[in-house]
PDB file of N, CA and C in Angstrom:
ATOM      1  N   MET A   1      72.340 103.040 168.851  1.00  0.00           N
ATOM      2  CA  MET A   1      74.036 103.042 169.412  1.00  0.00           C
ATOM      3  C   MET A   1      75.102 103.922 168.039  1.00  0.00           C
ATOM      4  N   ASN A   2      75.747 104.916 168.760  1.00  0.00           N
ATOM      5  CA  ASN A   2      76.688 105.018 168.081  1.00  0.00           C
ATOM      6  C   ASN A   2      77.962 104.821 168.065  1.00  0.00           C
ATOM      7  N   GLY A   3      78.798 104.101 166.846  1.00  0.00           N
ATOM      8  CA  GLY A   3      80.427 102.922 166.561  1.00  0.00           C
ATOM      9  C   GLY A   3      81.105 104.224 167.216  1.00  0.00           C
ATOM     10  N   SER A   4      81.088 105.204 167.073  1.00  0.00           N
ATOM     11  CA  SER A   4      82.199 106.653 167.295  1.00  0.00           C
ATOM     12  C   SER A   4      82.377 106.424 168.611  1.00  0.00           C
ATOM     13  N   ARG A   5      81.890 106.157 169.665  1.00  0.00           N
ATOM     14  CA  ARG A   5      81.713 106.568 171.241  1.00  0.00           C
ATOM     15  C   ARG A   5      82.364 105.338 171.622  1.00  0.00           C
ATOM     16  N   HIS A   6      82.671 104.209 171.595  1.00  0.00           N
ATOM     17  CA  HIS A   6      83.406 103.217 172.035  1.00  0.00           C
ATOM     18  C   HIS A   6      84.707 103.248 171.557  1.00  0.00           C
ATOM     19  N   THR A   7      85.419 103.044 172.748  1.00  0.00           N
ATOM     20  CA  THR A   7      87.231 103.289 172.736  1.00  0.00           C
ATOM     21  C   THR A   7      87.479 101.558 172.682  1.00  0.00           C
ATOM     22  N   GLU A   8      87.099 100.998 173.533  1.00  0.00           N
ATOM     23  CA  GLU A   8      87.564 100.008 173.609  1.00  0.00           C
ATOM     24  C   GLU A   8      87.388  98.441 172.441  1.00  0.00           C
ATOM     25  N   PRO A   9      88.086  97.945 172.688  1.00  0.00           N
ATOM     26  CA  PRO A   9      87.081  96.273 171.759  1.00  0.00           C
ATOM     27  C   PRO A   9      86.005  96.366 171.990  1.00  0.00           C
ATOM     28  N   LEU A  10      85.358  95.590 171.437  1.00  0.00           N
ATOM     29  CA  LEU A  10      83.724  95.085 172.179  1.00  0.00           C
ATOM     30  C   LEU A  10      83.410  93.367 171.328  1.00  0.00           C
ATOM     31  N   PRO A  11      82.787  92.598 172.394  1.00  0.00           N
ATOM     32  CA  PRO A  11      82.701  91.461 171.795  1.00  0.00           C
ATOM     33  C   PRO A  11      81.953  91.764 170.162  1.00  0.00           C
ATOM     34  N   LEU A  12      81.529  90.551 169.737  1.00  0.00           N
ATOM     35  CA  LEU A  12      81.194  90.831 168.075  1.00  0.00           C
ATOM     36  C   LEU A  12      79.719  90.823 168.034  1.00  0.00           C
ATOM     37  N   HIS A  13      78.824  90.656 169.112  1.00  0.00           N
ATOM     38  CA  HIS A  13      77.566  90.635 168.968  1.00  0.00           C
ATOM     39  C   HIS A  13      77.188  91.896 169.227  1.00  0.00           C
ATOM     40  N   ILE A  14      77.892  92.840 170.339  1.00  0.00           N
ATOM     41  CA  ILE A  14      77.975  93.993 170.410  1.00  0.00           C
ATOM     42  C   ILE A  14      78.074  94.800 169.742  1.00  0.00           C
ATOM     43  N   ALA A  15      79.524  94.535 168.953  1.00  0.00           N
ATOM     44  CA  ALA A  15      79.919  95.602 167.832  1.00  0.00           C
ATOM     45  C   ALA A  15      79.067  95.334 166.601  1.00  0.00           C
ATOM     46  N   ALA A  16      78.432  94.231 166.629  1.00  0.00           N
ATOM     47  CA  ALA A  16      77.449  93.989 165.062  1.00  0.00           C
ATOM     48  C   ALA A  16      76.208  95.042 165.054  1.00  0.00           C
ATOM     49  N   ARG A  17      75.709  95.028 166.484  1.00  0.00           N
ATOM     50  CA  ARG A  17      74.808  96.038 167.036  1.00  0.00           C
ATOM     51  C   ARG A  17      75.093  97.254 166.876  1.00  0.00           C
ATOM     52  N   CYS A  18      76.346  97.210 167.373  1.00  0.00           N
ATOM     53  CA  CYS A  18      76.765  99.137 167.029  1.00  0.00           C
ATOM     54  C   CYS A  18      77.302  99.820 166.095  1.00  0.00           C
ATOM     55  N   LEU A  19      77.224  98.809 164.880  1.00  0.00           N
ATOM     56  CA  LEU A  19      77.446  98.756 163.476  1.00  0.00           C
ATOM     57  C   LEU A  19      76.189  98.789 162.789  1.00  0.00           C
ATOM     58  N   ARG A  20      75.159  98.117 163.519  1.00  0.00           N
ATOM     59  CA  ARG A  20      73.838  98.023 162.180  1.00  0.00           C
ATOM     60  C   ARG A  20      74.105  97.386 161.286  1.00  0.00           C
ATOM     61  N   VAL A  21      75.384  96.159 161.453  1.00  0.00           N
ATOM     62  CA  VAL A  21      75.240  94.917 160.700  1.00  0.00           C
ATOM     63  C   VAL A  21      75.135  94.011 161.606  1.00  0.00           C
ATOM     64  N   PRO A  22      74.014  92.566 160.198  1.00  0.00           N
ATOM     65  CA  PRO A  22      73.529  91.597 160.826  1.00  0.00           C
ATOM     66  C   PRO A  22      75.777  91.079 161.191  1.00  0.00           C
ATOM     67  N   ALA A  23      75.717  90.216 162.736  1.00  0.00           N
ATOM     68  CA  ALA A  23      76.380  89.590 163.617  1.00  0.00           C
ATOM     69  C   ALA A  23      76.799  88.639 162.528  1.00  0.00           C
ATOM     70  N   ARG A  24      76.658  87.790 162.627  1.00  0.00           N
ATOM     71  CA  ARG A  24      76.556  86.084 161.522  1.00  0.00           C
ATOM     72  C   ARG A  24      77.539  87.144 159.885  1.00  0.00           C
ATOM     73  N   TRP A  25      77.352  88.407 159.557  1.00  0.00           N
ATOM     74  CA  TRP A  25      78.285  89.364 158.476  1.00  0.00           C
ATOM     75  C   TRP A  25      79.219  89.710 158.929  1.00  0.00           C
ATOM     76  N   LEU A  26      79.384  90.213 159.531  1.00  0.00           N
ATOM     77  CA  LEU A  26      80.527  90.411 160.345  1.00  0.00           C
ATOM     78  C   LEU A  26      81.312  89.403 161.054  1.00  0.00           C
ATOM     79  N   ARG A  27      80.815  88.256 161.804  1.00  0.00           N
ATOM     80  CA  ARG A  27      81.996  87.455 161.807  1.00  0.00           C
ATOM     81  C   ARG A  27      82.609  86.929 160.255  1.00  0.00           C
ATOM     82  N   ASP A  28      81.549  86.668 159.398  1.00  0.00           N
ATOM     83  CA  ASP A  28      82.354  86.102 158.091  1.00  0.00           C
ATOM     84  C   ASP A  28      83.336  87.172 157.772  1.00  0.00           C
ATOM     85  N   GLU A  29      82.893  88.650 157.702  1.00  0.00           N
ATOM     86  CA  GLU A  29      84.174  89.117 156.976  1.00  0.00           C
ATOM     87  C   GLU A  29      85.062  89.328 157.578  1.00  0.00           C
ATOM     88  N   ILE A  30      85.267  88.797 159.156  1.00  0.00           N
ATOM     89  CA  ILE A  30      86.341  89.255 159.727  1.00  0.00           C
ATOM     90  C   ILE A  30      87.206  88.124 159.517  1.00  0.00           C
ATOM     91  N   GLU A  31      86.405  86.550 159.700  1.00  0.00           N
ATOM     92  CA  GLU A  31      87.367  85.021 159.322  1.00  0.00           C
ATOM     93  C   GLU A  31      87.948  85.345 157.636  1.00  0.00           C
ATOM     94  N   ALA A  32      87.347  86.124 157.052  1.00  0.00           N
ATOM     95  CA  ALA A  32      87.655  85.919 155.508  1.00  0.00           C
ATOM     96  C   ALA A  32      88.578  86.651 155.404  1.00  0.00           C
ATOM     97  N   GLY A  33      89.451  87.702 156.486  1.00  0.00           N
ATOM     98  CA  GLY A  33      90.656  88.943 156.123  1.00  0.00           C
ATOM     99  C   GLY A  33      90.670  90.046 155.446  1.00  0.00           C
ATOM    100  N   ARG A  34      88.627  90.616 155.532  1.00  0.00           N
ATOM    101  CA  ARG A  34      88.295  91.374 155.023  1.00  0.00           C
ATOM    102  C   ARG A  34      87.646  93.077 156.033  1.00  0.00           C
ATOM    103  N   LEU A  35      88.205  92.224 157.402  1.00  0.00           N
ATOM    104  CA  LEU A  35      88.071  93.729 158.422  1.00  0.00           C
ATOM    105  C   LEU A  35      88.736  93.453 159.652  1.00  0.00           C
ATOM    106  N   PRO A  36      89.133  94.331 160.274  1.00  0.00           N
ATOM    107  CA  PRO A  36      89.996  93.879 160.919  1.00  0.00           C
ATOM    108  C   PRO A  36      89.503  93.814 162.566  1.00  0.00           C
ATOM    109  N   ALA A  37      90.159  92.584 163.464  1.00  0.00           N
ATOM    110  CA  ALA A  37      89.292  92.045 164.916  1.00  0.00           C
ATOM    111  C   ALA A  37      90.536  91.428 165.327  1.00  0.00           C
ATOM    112  N   LEU A  38      89.999  91.171 167.151  1.00  0.00           N
ATOM    113  CA  LEU A  38      91.308  90.817 167.961  1.00  0.00           C
ATOM    114  C   LEU A  38      90.650  89.680 168.284  1.00  0.00           C
ATOM    115  N   ARG A  39      91.428  88.224 168.174  1.00  0.00           N
ATOM    116  CA  ARG A  39      91.110  87.179 169.089  1.00  0.00           C
ATOM    117  C   ARG A  39      91.408  86.757 170.609  1.00  0.00           C
ATOM    118  N   ALA A  40      90.538  86.662 170.959  1.00  0.00           N
ATOM    119  CA  ALA A  40      91.074  86.529 172.661  1.00  0.00           C
ATOM    120  C   ALA A  40      90.454  85.241 172.883  1.00  0.00           C
ATOM    121  N   GLY A  41      91.604  83.685 173.321  1.00  0.00           N
ATOM    122  CA  GLY A  41      90.180  82.834 173.137  1.00  0.00           C
ATOM    123  C   GLY A  41      89.729  82.086 172.166  1.00  0.00           C
ATOM    124  N   ARG A  42      88.725  81.998 172.350  1.00  0.00           N
ATOM    125  CA  ARG A  42      87.533  82.632 171.433  1.00  0.00           C
ATOM    126  C   ARG A  42      86.494  83.041 171.230  1.00  0.00           C
ATOM    127  N   ALA A  43      86.567  84.158 171.840  1.00  0.00           N
ATOM    128  CA  ALA A  43      85.745  85.628 171.145  1.00  0.00           C
ATOM    129  C   ALA A  43      86.669  85.907 170.487  1.00  0.00           C
ATOM    130  N   ILE A  44      86.011  87.213 169.959  1.00  0.00           N
ATOM    131  CA  ILE A  44      86.246  87.828 168.420  1.00  0.00           C
ATOM    132  C   ILE A  44      85.931  89.356 169.549  1.00  0.00           C
ATOM    133  N   LEU A  45      86.738  89.995 169.462  1.00  0.00           N
ATOM    134  CA  LEU A  45      87.051  91.654 169.495  1.00  0.00           C
ATOM    135  C   LEU A  45      86.417  92.625 168.740  1.00  0.00           C
ATOM    136  N   VAL A  46      85.954  93.399 168.968  1.00  0.00           N
ATOM    137  CA  VAL A  46      85.965  94.285 167.356  1.00  0.00           C
ATOM    138  C   VAL A  46      86.459  96.010 168.376  1.00  0.00           C
ATOM    139  N   HIS A  47      87.537  96.632 167.558  1.00  0.00           N
ATOM    140  CA  HIS A  47      87.392  97.876 167.564  1.00  0.00           C
ATOM    141  C   HIS A  47      86.356  98.654 166.453  1.00  0.00           C
ATOM    142  N   VAL A  48      85.065  99.120 167.187  1.00  0.00           N
ATOM    143  CA  VAL A  48      84.227  99.936 166.456  1.00  0.00           C
ATOM    144  C   VAL A  48      84.398 100.636 165.748  1.00  0.00           C
ATOM    145  N   PRO A  49      84.835 102.203 166.025  1.00  0.00           N
ATOM    146  CA  PRO A  49      85.903 103.114 165.282  1.00  0.00           C
ATOM    147  C   PRO A  49      85.951 102.369 163.737  1.00  0.00           C
ATOM    148  N   THR A  50      87.281 102.099 164.330  1.00  0.00           N
ATOM    149  CA  THR A  50      88.469 101.076 163.025  1.00  0.00           C
ATOM    150  C   THR A  50      87.212 100.604 162.049  1.00  0.00           C
ATOM    151  N   VAL A  51      86.678  99.512 162.876  1.00  0.00           N
ATOM    152  CA  VAL A  51      85.509  98.799 161.795  1.00  0.00           C
ATOM    153  C   VAL A  51      84.635  99.915 160.836  1.00  0.00           C
ATOM    154  N   ALA A  52      84.170 101.089 161.261  1.00  0.00           N
ATOM    155  CA  ALA A  52      83.632 101.948 160.680  1.00  0.00           C
ATOM    156  C   ALA A  52      84.180 102.810 160.062  1.00  0.00           C
ATOM    157  N   ALA A  53      85.224 103.008 159.949  1.00  0.00           N
ATOM    158  CA  ALA A  53      85.845 103.591 158.791  1.00  0.00           C
ATOM    159  C   ALA A  53      86.353 102.737 157.760  1.00  0.00           C
ATOM    160  N   ALA A  54      86.572 101.134 158.213  1.00  0.00           N
ATOM    161  CA  ALA A  54      86.858 100.211 157.265  1.00  0.00           C
ATOM    162  C   ALA A  54      86.246  99.897 155.825  1.00  0.00           C
ATOM    163  N   LEU A  55      85.133  99.879 156.459  1.00  0.00           N
ATOM    164  CA  LEU A  55      83.401 100.056 155.914  1.00  0.00           C
ATOM    165  C   LEU A  55      83.290 101.095 155.425  1.00  0.00           C
ATOM    166  N   ALA A  56      82.975 102.144 155.734  1.00  0.00           N
ATOM    167  CA  ALA A  56      83.174 103.610 154.622  1.00  0.00           C
ATOM    168  C   ALA A  56      83.958 103.673 153.536  1.00  0.00           C
ATOM    169  N   GLU A  57      85.294 103.197 153.995  1.00  0.00           N
ATOM    170  CA  GLU A  57      86.228 103.192 152.660  1.00  0.00           C
ATOM    171  C   GLU A  57      86.217 102.296 151.397  1.00  0.00           C
ATOM    172  N   ARG A  58      85.895 101.207 153.004  1.00  0.00           N
ATOM    173  CA  ARG A  58      85.054 100.545 151.117  1.00  0.00           C
ATOM    174  C   ARG A  58      83.784 100.709 150.239  1.00  0.00           C
ATOM    175  N   ALA A  59      82.544 101.627 151.226  1.00  0.00           N
ATOM    176  CA  ALA A  59      82.048 102.033 150.592  1.00  0.00           C
ATOM    177  C   ALA A  59      81.862 103.115 149.471  1.00  0.00           C
ATOM    178  N   LYS A  60      82.548 104.265 150.211  1.00  0.00           N
ATOM    179  CA  LYS A  60      83.654 104.817 148.967  1.00  0.00           C
ATOM    180  C   LYS A  60      84.078 104.431 147.287  1.00  0.00           C
ATOM    181  N   ALA A  61      84.877 103.538 148.208  1.00  0.00           N
ATOM    182  CA  ALA A  61      85.848 102.830 146.930  1.00  0.00           C
ATOM    183  C   ALA A  61      84.633 101.650 146.003  1.00  0.00           C
ATOM    184  N   GLU A  62      83.603 101.445 146.587  1.00  0.00           N
ATOM    185  CA  GLU A  62      82.554 100.876 145.410  1.00  0.00           C
ATOM    186  C   GLU A  62      81.808 101.683 144.344  1.00  0.00           C
ATOM    187  N   ARG A  63      81.285 102.766 145.387  1.00  0.00           N
ATOM    188  CA  ARG A  63      81.111 103.722 144.429  1.00  0.00           C
ATOM    189  C   ARG A  63      81.924 104.884 143.485  1.00  0.00           C
ATOM    190  N   ALA A  64      82.920 104.725 143.954  1.00  0.00           N
ATOM    191  CA  ALA A  64      83.808 105.191 143.042  1.00  0.00           C
ATOM    192  C   ALA A  64      83.837 104.177 141.703  1.00  0.00           C
ATOM    193  N   GLU A  65      84.404 103.007 142.296  1.00  0.00           N
ATOM    194  CA  GLU A  65      84.855 102.067 141.136  1.00  0.00           C
ATOM    195  C   GLU A  65      83.078 101.757 140.025  1.00  0.00           C
ATOM    196  N   GLY A  66      82.401 101.695 140.983  1.00  0.00           N
ATOM    197  CA  GLY A  66      80.752 101.262 139.986  1.00  0.00           C
ATOM    198  C   GLY A  66      80.305 102.229 139.412  1.00  0.00           C
ATOM    199  N   GLY A  67      80.571 103.587 139.950  1.00  0.00           N
ATOM    200  CA  GLY A  67      79.319 104.848 140.338  1.00  0.00           C
ATOM    201  C   GLY A  67      78.435 105.137 140.681  1.00  0.00           C
ATOM    202  N   GLU A  68      77.642 105.675 141.252  1.00  0.00           N
ATOM    203  CA  GLU A  68      76.534 105.925 141.515  1.00  0.00           C
ATOM    204  C   GLU A  68      75.095 105.583 141.106  1.00  0.00           C
ATOM    205  N   ARG A  69      74.581 105.140 141.836  1.00  0.00           N
ATOM    206  CA  ARG A  69      73.093 104.413 140.933  1.00  0.00           C
ATOM    207  C   ARG A  69      72.104 105.290 141.722  1.00  0.00           C
TER     208      ARG A  69
END
């Protein structure tokens, strides 16, 4: 699945599959406030393009900070 195809927020487990990350890790990052998400009752909804962009920026910053290996 390509994360850029989704324009509406998706349930966490589907978003994790789109982003190719473990659902538990994604939930932990959201709960820690490091990634954006929407809460709808007990559900967590994720806007995949927004989170993909945030993860790309994080990776870029980490490479710039620590240098490439």
